[in-house]
PDB file of N, CA and C in Angstrom:
ATOM      1  N   UNK A   1     -88.877 -34.260  57.921  1.00  0.00           N
ATOM      2  CA  UNK A   1     -88.219 -34.071  59.280  1.00  0.00           C
ATOM      3  C   UNK A   1     -87.288 -34.877  59.695  1.00  0.00           C
ATOM      4  N   UNK A   2     -86.028 -34.276  60.405  1.00  0.00           N
ATOM      5  CA  UNK A   2     -85.217 -35.317  60.805  1.00  0.00           C
ATOM      6  C   UNK A   2     -85.192 -36.324  61.942  1.00  0.00           C
ATOM      7  N   UNK A   3     -84.952 -36.846  62.474  1.00  0.00           N
ATOM      8  CA  UNK A   3     -84.806 -37.526  64.008  1.00  0.00           C
ATOM      9  C   UNK A   3     -83.915 -37.741  64.721  1.00  0.00           C
ATOM     10  N   UNK A   4     -83.919 -37.885  65.471  1.00  0.00           N
ATOM     11  CA  UNK A   4     -82.961 -38.069  66.866  1.00  0.00           C
ATOM     12  C   UNK A   4     -83.201 -39.660  67.402  1.00  0.00           C
ATOM     13  N   UNK A   5     -81.840 -40.900  67.232  1.00  0.00           N
ATOM     14  CA  UNK A   5     -82.490 -42.175  68.044  1.00  0.00           C
ATOM     15  C   UNK A   5     -82.613 -42.158  69.526  1.00  0.00           C
ATOM     16  N   UNK A   6     -81.735 -41.478  69.961  1.00  0.00           N
ATOM     17  CA  UNK A   6     -81.824 -41.182  71.632  1.00  0.00           C
ATOM     18  C   UNK A   6     -81.811 -39.918  72.258  1.00  0.00           C
ATOM     19  N   UNK A   7     -82.314 -39.367  72.970  1.00  0.00           N
ATOM     20  CA  UNK A   7     -81.949 -38.315  73.771  1.00  0.00           C
ATOM     21  C   UNK A   7     -81.908 -38.868  75.268  1.00  0.00           C
ATOM     22  N   UNK A   8     -80.575 -38.109  75.828  1.00  0.00           N
ATOM     23  CA  UNK A   8     -80.575 -38.636  77.207  1.00  0.00           C
ATOM     24  C   UNK A   8     -79.817 -37.345  78.249  1.00  0.00           C
ATOM     25  N   UNK A   9     -79.817 -37.787  79.204  1.00  0.00           N
ATOM     26  CA  UNK A   9     -79.207 -36.798  80.507  1.00  0.00           C
ATOM     27  C   UNK A   9     -77.888 -37.235  80.590  1.00  0.00           C
ATOM     28  N   UNK A  10     -76.772 -36.555  80.412  1.00  0.00           N
ATOM     29  CA  UNK A  10     -75.863 -36.994  81.265  1.00  0.00           C
ATOM     30  C   UNK A  10     -74.977 -35.964  82.244  1.00  0.00           C
ATOM     31  N   UNK A  11     -75.230 -36.373  83.474  1.00  0.00           N
ATOM     32  CA  UNK A  11     -74.875 -34.874  84.462  1.00  0.00           C
ATOM     33  C   UNK A  11     -75.877 -34.148  84.525  1.00  0.00           C
ATOM     34  N   UNK A  12     -74.831 -32.586  83.485  1.00  0.00           N
ATOM     35  CA  UNK A  12     -75.738 -31.516  83.016  1.00  0.00           C
ATOM     36  C   UNK A  12     -75.913 -31.265  81.240  1.00  0.00           C
ATOM     37  N   UNK A  13     -75.609 -32.331  80.954  1.00  0.00           N
ATOM     38  CA  UNK A  13     -75.735 -32.225  79.129  1.00  0.00           C
ATOM     39  C   UNK A  13     -76.931 -32.970  78.765  1.00  0.00           C
ATOM     40  N   UNK A  14     -77.392 -32.487  77.808  1.00  0.00           N
ATOM     41  CA  UNK A  14     -78.592 -33.472  77.148  1.00  0.00           C
ATOM     42  C   UNK A  14     -77.789 -33.940  75.991  1.00  0.00           C
ATOM     43  N   UNK A  15     -78.064 -35.250  75.842  1.00  0.00           N
ATOM     44  CA  UNK A  15     -77.043 -35.959  74.799  1.00  0.00           C
ATOM     45  C   UNK A  15     -77.701 -36.401  73.693  1.00  0.00           C
ATOM     46  N   UNK A  16     -77.690 -35.717  72.207  1.00  0.00           N
ATOM     47  CA  UNK A  16     -78.231 -36.389  71.046  1.00  0.00           C
ATOM     48  C   UNK A  16     -77.637 -37.502  70.595  1.00  0.00           C
ATOM     49  N   UNK A  17     -78.313 -38.794  70.480  1.00  0.00           N
ATOM     50  CA  UNK A  17     -77.458 -39.594  69.942  1.00  0.00           C
ATOM     51  C   UNK A  17     -77.719 -40.435  68.567  1.00  0.00           C
ATOM     52  N   UNK A  18     -77.043 -40.922  68.057  1.00  0.00           N
ATOM     53  CA  UNK A  18     -76.987 -41.226  66.502  1.00  0.00           C
ATOM     54  C   UNK A  18     -76.814 -42.742  66.815  1.00  0.00           C
ATOM     55  N   UNK A  19     -77.481 -43.655  66.342  1.00  0.00           N
ATOM     56  CA  UNK A  19     -76.968 -45.014  66.885  1.00  0.00           C
ATOM     57  C   UNK A  19     -76.789 -45.730  64.991  1.00  0.00           C
ATOM     58  N   UNK A  20     -75.356 -46.249  64.790  1.00  0.00           N
ATOM     59  CA  UNK A  20     -75.416 -46.831  63.453  1.00  0.00           C
ATOM     60  C   UNK A  20     -75.092 -48.266  63.973  1.00  0.00           C
ATOM     61  N   UNK A  21     -75.644 -49.347  62.821  1.00  0.00           N
ATOM     62  CA  UNK A  21     -75.421 -50.789  63.049  1.00  0.00           C
ATOM     63  C   UNK A  21     -74.900 -51.281  61.876  1.00  0.00           C
ATOM     64  N   UNK A  22     -74.130 -52.322  62.065  1.00  0.00           N
ATOM     65  CA  UNK A  22     -73.572 -53.183  60.570  1.00  0.00           C
ATOM     66  C   UNK A  22     -73.051 -54.361  61.206  1.00  0.00           C
ATOM     67  N   UNK A  23     -73.417 -55.299  60.614  1.00  0.00           N
ATOM     68  CA  UNK A  23     -73.035 -56.830  60.461  1.00  0.00           C
ATOM     69  C   UNK A  23     -71.708 -56.912  60.123  1.00  0.00           C
ATOM     70  N   UNK A  24     -71.022 -56.352  59.079  1.00  0.00           N
ATOM     71  CA  UNK A  24     -69.635 -56.061  58.914  1.00  0.00           C
ATOM     72  C   UNK A  24     -69.194 -54.823  58.609  1.00  0.00           C
ATOM     73  N   UNK A  25     -67.898 -55.049  58.025  1.00  0.00           N
ATOM     74  CA  UNK A  25     -67.167 -53.916  57.409  1.00  0.00           C
ATOM     75  C   UNK A  25     -67.305 -53.085  56.156  1.00  0.00           C
ATOM     76  N   UNK A  26     -67.641 -54.291  55.380  1.00  0.00           N
ATOM     77  CA  UNK A  26     -67.990 -54.243  53.778  1.00  0.00           C
ATOM     78  C   UNK A  26     -68.036 -52.761  53.564  1.00  0.00           C
ATOM     79  N   UNK A  27     -69.372 -52.094  54.277  1.00  0.00           N
ATOM     80  CA  UNK A  27     -69.360 -50.593  53.662  1.00  0.00           C
ATOM     81  C   UNK A  27     -68.799 -49.713  54.866  1.00  0.00           C
ATOM     82  N   UNK A  28     -67.775 -49.875  55.433  1.00  0.00           N
ATOM     83  CA  UNK A  28     -66.714 -49.229  56.253  1.00  0.00           C
ATOM     84  C   UNK A  28     -67.706 -48.967  57.694  1.00  0.00           C
ATOM     85  N   UNK A  29     -67.059 -48.406  58.542  1.00  0.00           N
ATOM     86  CA  UNK A  29     -67.464 -48.308  60.070  1.00  0.00           C
ATOM     87  C   UNK A  29     -68.749 -47.782  60.006  1.00  0.00           C
ATOM     88  N   UNK A  30     -69.357 -47.977  61.166  1.00  0.00           N
ATOM     89  CA  UNK A  30     -71.092 -47.534  61.137  1.00  0.00           C
ATOM     90  C   UNK A  30     -70.508 -45.806  61.118  1.00  0.00           C
ATOM     91  N   UNK A  31     -69.390 -45.294  61.814  1.00  0.00           N
ATOM     92  CA  UNK A  31     -69.472 -44.013  62.017  1.00  0.00           C
ATOM     93  C   UNK A  31     -69.270 -43.012  60.686  1.00  0.00           C
ATOM     94  N   UNK A  32     -68.644 -43.810  59.686  1.00  0.00           N
ATOM     95  CA  UNK A  32     -68.365 -43.198  58.911  1.00  0.00           C
ATOM     96  C   UNK A  32     -69.908 -42.778  57.721  1.00  0.00           C
ATOM     97  N   UNK A  33     -70.770 -43.483  58.168  1.00  0.00           N
ATOM     98  CA  UNK A  33     -71.840 -43.085  57.908  1.00  0.00           C
ATOM     99  C   UNK A  33     -72.611 -41.929  58.681  1.00  0.00           C
ATOM    100  N   UNK A  34     -72.262 -41.230  59.336  1.00  0.00           N
ATOM    101  CA  UNK A  34     -72.606 -40.470  59.977  1.00  0.00           C
ATOM    102  C   UNK A  34     -71.895 -39.004  59.292  1.00  0.00           C
ATOM    103  N   UNK A  35     -72.420 -38.580  58.016  1.00  0.00           N
ATOM    104  CA  UNK A  35     -71.913 -37.733  57.134  1.00  0.00           C
ATOM    105  C   UNK A  35     -71.953 -35.936  57.585  1.00  0.00           C
ATOM    106  N   UNK A  36     -71.657 -35.481  56.381  1.00  0.00           N
ATOM    107  CA  UNK A  36     -71.938 -33.972  56.746  1.00  0.00           C
ATOM    108  C   UNK A  36     -73.554 -33.800  56.495  1.00  0.00           C
ATOM    109  N   UNK A  37     -74.327 -34.706  55.256  1.00  0.00           N
ATOM    110  CA  UNK A  37     -75.574 -34.053  55.527  1.00  0.00           C
ATOM    111  C   UNK A  37     -76.449 -34.433  56.562  1.00  0.00           C
ATOM    112  N   UNK A  38     -76.039 -35.772  57.217  1.00  0.00           N
ATOM    113  CA  UNK A  38     -76.756 -36.621  58.514  1.00  0.00           C
ATOM    114  C   UNK A  38     -76.479 -35.530  59.676  1.00  0.00           C
ATOM    115  N   UNK A  39     -75.121 -35.152  59.465  1.00  0.00           N
ATOM    116  CA  UNK A  39     -74.917 -34.801  60.573  1.00  0.00           C
ATOM    117  C   UNK A  39     -76.027 -32.727  60.914  1.00  0.00           C
ATOM    118  N   UNK A  40     -76.275 -32.397  59.435  1.00  0.00           N
ATOM    119  CA  UNK A  40     -77.020 -31.285  59.225  1.00  0.00           C
ATOM    120  C   UNK A  40     -78.245 -31.687  59.937  1.00  0.00           C
ATOM    121  N   UNK A  41     -79.256 -32.344  59.594  1.00  0.00           N
ATOM    122  CA  UNK A  41     -80.005 -33.170  59.907  1.00  0.00           C
ATOM    123  C   UNK A  41     -80.335 -33.391  61.164  1.00  0.00           C
ATOM    124  N   UNK A  42     -79.373 -34.142  61.911  1.00  0.00           N
ATOM    125  CA  UNK A  42     -79.624 -34.633  63.362  1.00  0.00           C
ATOM    126  C   UNK A  42     -79.305 -32.646  63.922  1.00  0.00           C
ATOM    127  N   UNK A  43     -78.758 -32.016  64.006  1.00  0.00           N
ATOM    128  CA  UNK A  43     -78.644 -30.574  64.400  1.00  0.00           C
ATOM    129  C   UNK A  43     -79.688 -29.984  64.276  1.00  0.00           C
ATOM    130  N   UNK A  44     -80.664 -29.997  63.232  1.00  0.00           N
ATOM    131  CA  UNK A  44     -81.743 -29.277  62.915  1.00  0.00           C
ATOM    132  C   UNK A  44     -83.057 -29.871  63.956  1.00  0.00           C
ATOM    133  N   UNK A  45     -82.887 -31.254  64.155  1.00  0.00           N
ATOM    134  CA  UNK A  45     -84.167 -32.063  64.865  1.00  0.00           C
ATOM    135  C   UNK A  45     -83.674 -31.401  66.671  1.00  0.00           C
ATOM    136  N   UNK A  46     -82.115 -31.570  66.807  1.00  0.00           N
ATOM    137  CA  UNK A  46     -81.548 -31.227  67.949  1.00  0.00           C
ATOM    138  C   UNK A  46     -82.396 -29.772  68.098  1.00  0.00           C
ATOM    139  N   UNK A  47     -81.862 -28.740  67.184  1.00  0.00           N
ATOM    140  CA  UNK A  47     -82.218 -27.628  67.258  1.00  0.00           C
ATOM    141  C   UNK A  47     -83.865 -27.198  67.811  1.00  0.00           C
ATOM    142  N   UNK A  48     -84.736 -27.855  67.038  1.00  0.00           N
ATOM    143  CA  UNK A  48     -85.975 -27.853  66.964  1.00  0.00           C
ATOM    144  C   UNK A  48     -86.508 -28.435  68.899  1.00  0.00           C
ATOM    145  N   UNK A  49     -86.028 -29.588  68.958  1.00  0.00           N
ATOM    146  CA  UNK A  49     -85.794 -29.936  70.172  1.00  0.00           C
ATOM    147  C   UNK A  49     -85.711 -29.378  71.644  1.00  0.00           C
ATOM    148  N   UNK A  50     -84.823 -28.775  71.118  1.00  0.00           N
ATOM    149  CA  UNK A  50     -84.216 -27.558  72.353  1.00  0.00           C
ATOM    150  C   UNK A  50     -85.228 -26.255  72.435  1.00  0.00           C
ATOM    151  N   UNK A  51     -85.488 -26.002  71.247  1.00  0.00           N
ATOM    152  CA  UNK A  51     -86.360 -24.730  70.932  1.00  0.00           C
ATOM    153  C   UNK A  51     -87.757 -25.242  72.092  1.00  0.00           C
ATOM    154  N   UNK A  52     -88.572 -26.123  71.520  1.00  0.00           N
ATOM    155  CA  UNK A  52     -89.613 -27.015  71.724  1.00  0.00           C
ATOM    156  C   UNK A  52     -89.929 -27.007  73.381  1.00  0.00           C
ATOM    157  N   UNK A  53     -88.498 -27.183  74.022  1.00  0.00           N
ATOM    158  CA  UNK A  53     -88.721 -28.014  75.114  1.00  0.00           C
ATOM    159  C   UNK A  53     -87.941 -26.527  76.306  1.00  0.00           C
ATOM    160  N   UNK A  54     -87.390 -25.505  75.621  1.00  0.00           N
ATOM    161  CA  UNK A  54     -87.088 -24.136  76.380  1.00  0.00           C
ATOM    162  C   UNK A  54     -85.555 -24.542  76.426  1.00  0.00           C
ATOM    163  N   UNK A  55     -84.793 -25.338  76.204  1.00  0.00           N
ATOM    164  CA  UNK A  55     -83.915 -26.039  76.495  1.00  0.00           C
ATOM    165  C   UNK A  55     -82.281 -25.108  76.128  1.00  0.00           C
ATOM    166  N   UNK A  56     -82.501 -23.674  75.904  1.00  0.00           N
ATOM    167  CA  UNK A  56     -81.539 -23.170  75.170  1.00  0.00           C
ATOM    168  C   UNK A  56     -80.180 -22.778  76.452  1.00  0.00           C
ATOM    169  N   UNK A  57     -80.679 -23.016  77.207  1.00  0.00           N
ATOM    170  CA  UNK A  57     -79.478 -22.591  78.501  1.00  0.00           C
ATOM    171  C   UNK A  57     -79.069 -23.843  79.011  1.00  0.00           C
ATOM    172  N   UNK A  58     -79.328 -24.651  78.494  1.00  0.00           N
ATOM    173  CA  UNK A  58     -78.760 -25.894  78.845  1.00  0.00           C
ATOM    174  C   UNK A  58     -77.693 -26.675  78.112  1.00  0.00           C
ATOM    175  N   UNK A  59     -76.516 -26.993  78.156  1.00  0.00           N
ATOM    176  CA  UNK A  59     -75.553 -27.752  77.591  1.00  0.00           C
ATOM    177  C   UNK A  59     -75.843 -28.888  76.591  1.00  0.00           C
ATOM    178  N   UNK A  60     -75.485 -29.089  75.735  1.00  0.00           N
ATOM    179  CA  UNK A  60     -76.092 -30.266  74.677  1.00  0.00           C
ATOM    180  C   UNK A  60     -74.875 -30.816  74.213  1.00  0.00           C
ATOM    181  N   UNK A  61     -74.425 -32.073  73.673  1.00  0.00           N
ATOM    182  CA  UNK A  61     -73.672 -32.808  73.328  1.00  0.00           C
ATOM    183  C   UNK A  61     -74.028 -33.916  71.890  1.00  0.00           C
ATOM    184  N   UNK A  62     -73.288 -34.012  71.048  1.00  0.00           N
ATOM    185  CA  UNK A  62     -74.062 -35.275  70.315  1.00  0.00           C
ATOM    186  C   UNK A  62     -72.829 -36.161  69.949  1.00  0.00           C
ATOM    187  N   UNK A  63     -73.581 -37.057  70.100  1.00  0.00           N
ATOM    188  CA  UNK A  63     -72.832 -38.996  70.261  1.00  0.00           C
ATOM    189  C   UNK A  63     -73.093 -39.584  69.178  1.00  0.00           C
ATOM    190  N   UNK A  64     -72.182 -40.745  69.063  1.00  0.00           N
ATOM    191  CA  UNK A  64     -72.722 -41.827  68.323  1.00  0.00           C
ATOM    192  C   UNK A  64     -72.278 -43.125  68.959  1.00  0.00           C
ATOM    193  N   UNK A  65     -73.526 -43.764  68.972  1.00  0.00           N
ATOM    194  CA  UNK A  65     -73.426 -45.081  69.102  1.00  0.00           C
ATOM    195  C   UNK A  65     -73.396 -46.046  68.169  1.00  0.00           C
ATOM    196  N   UNK A  66     -72.017 -46.874  67.846  1.00  0.00           N
ATOM    197  CA  UNK A  66     -71.799 -47.658  66.983  1.00  0.00           C
ATOM    198  C   UNK A  66     -72.236 -49.535  67.295  1.00  0.00           C
ATOM    199  N   UNK A  67     -72.891 -49.975  67.006  1.00  0.00           N
ATOM    200  CA  UNK A  67     -72.978 -51.630  66.784  1.00  0.00           C
ATOM    201  C   UNK A  67     -72.713 -52.398  65.695  1.00  0.00           C
ATOM    202  N   UNK A  68     -71.859 -53.399  66.774  1.00  0.00           N
ATOM    203  CA  UNK A  68     -71.459 -54.118  65.663  1.00  0.00           C
ATOM    204  C   UNK A  68     -72.356 -55.403  65.636  1.00  0.00           C
ATOM    205  N   UNK A  69     -73.212 -56.317  64.948  1.00  0.00           N
ATOM    206  CA  UNK A  69     -73.202 -57.714  65.344  1.00  0.00           C
ATOM    207  C   UNK A  69     -72.540 -58.498  64.695  1.00  0.00           C
ATOM    208  N   UNK A  70     -72.194 -59.696  64.941  1.00  0.00           N
ATOM    209  CA  UNK A  70     -71.167 -60.459  64.707  1.00  0.00           C
ATOM    210  C   UNK A  70     -71.969 -61.522  64.669  1.00  0.00           C
ATOM    211  N   UNK A  71     -71.467 -62.811  64.090  1.00  0.00           N
ATOM    212  CA  UNK A  71     -71.968 -64.085  64.546  1.00  0.00           C
ATOM    213  C   UNK A  71     -71.766 -64.863  65.497  1.00  0.00           C
ATOM    214  N   UNK A  72     -70.807 -64.326  66.166  1.00  0.00           N
ATOM    215  CA  UNK A  72     -70.407 -64.760  67.699  1.00  0.00           C
ATOM    216  C   UNK A  72     -70.587 -64.143  68.492  1.00  0.00           C
ATOM    217  N   UNK A  73     -70.473 -62.758  68.615  1.00  0.00           N
ATOM    218  CA  UNK A  73     -70.673 -61.684  69.518  1.00  0.00           C
ATOM    219  C   UNK A  73     -70.806 -60.310  68.942  1.00  0.00           C
ATOM    220  N   UNK A  74     -71.317 -59.560  70.232  1.00  0.00           N
ATOM    221  CA  UNK A  74     -71.764 -58.397  69.547  1.00  0.00           C
ATOM    222  C   UNK A  74     -70.966 -57.156  69.776  1.00  0.00           C
ATOM    223  N   UNK A  75     -70.576 -55.845  69.070  1.00  0.00           N
ATOM    224  CA  UNK A  75     -69.586 -55.151  70.082  1.00  0.00           C
ATOM    225  C   UNK A  75     -70.449 -53.751  70.226  1.00  0.00           C
ATOM    226  N   UNK A  76     -70.494 -52.840  71.189  1.00  0.00           N
ATOM    227  CA  UNK A  76     -71.025 -51.267  71.288  1.00  0.00           C
ATOM    228  C   UNK A  76     -69.786 -50.631  71.750  1.00  0.00           C
ATOM    229  N   UNK A  77     -69.793 -49.455  70.827  1.00  0.00           N
ATOM    230  CA  UNK A  77     -68.532 -48.413  71.150  1.00  0.00           C
ATOM    231  C   UNK A  77     -69.247 -47.081  71.008  1.00  0.00           C
ATOM    232  N   UNK A  78     -69.251 -46.275  71.971  1.00  0.00           N
ATOM    233  CA  UNK A  78     -69.658 -44.800  72.433  1.00  0.00           C
ATOM    234  C   UNK A  78     -68.831 -43.775  72.146  1.00  0.00           C
ATOM    235  N   UNK A  79     -69.013 -43.168  71.260  1.00  0.00           N
ATOM    236  CA  UNK A  79     -68.193 -42.153  70.519  1.00  0.00           C
ATOM    237  C   UNK A  79     -68.914 -40.754  71.407  1.00  0.00           C
ATOM    238  N   UNK A  80     -68.307 -40.296  72.273  1.00  0.00           N
ATOM    239  CA  UNK A  80     -68.639 -38.711  72.479  1.00  0.00           C
ATOM    240  C   UNK A  80     -68.343 -37.604  72.104  1.00  0.00           C
ATOM    241  N   UNK A  81     -69.079 -36.514  71.933  1.00  0.00           N
ATOM    242  CA  UNK A  81     -68.591 -35.348  71.242  1.00  0.00           C
ATOM    243  C   UNK A  81     -67.957 -35.189  70.244  1.00  0.00           C
ATOM    244  N   UNK A  82     -68.820 -35.747  69.280  1.00  0.00           N
ATOM    245  CA  UNK A  82     -68.339 -36.130  67.862  1.00  0.00           C
ATOM    246  C   UNK A  82     -68.568 -34.898  67.006  1.00  0.00           C
ATOM    247  N   UNK A  83     -69.559 -34.320  66.959  1.00  0.00           N
ATOM    248  CA  UNK A  83     -69.503 -33.165  66.246  1.00  0.00           C
ATOM    249  C   UNK A  83     -70.502 -32.255  67.206  1.00  0.00           C
ATOM    250  N   UNK A  84     -70.037 -30.495  66.858  1.00  0.00           N
ATOM    251  CA  UNK A  84     -71.094 -29.521  67.326  1.00  0.00           C
ATOM    252  C   UNK A  84     -71.418 -28.437  66.126  1.00  0.00           C
TER     253      UNK A  84
END
């Protein structure tokens, strides 16, 4: 079964958030690891959550949070509406 890292409510939307962390860009940006296969799993998990909680009439959104862990500082980037 797929998992969702964070489920939040932003105003009138349920937001399903994938969190990706990197300590370097050696293997690309964190958001690049949210590929088609990962998106399918996230949507499947979100659909199950929506069904189990009777949220079919609610607005939903899919976001990604990129976390960069550096030697001197950390950086967080929130990308809204990455896919639907």
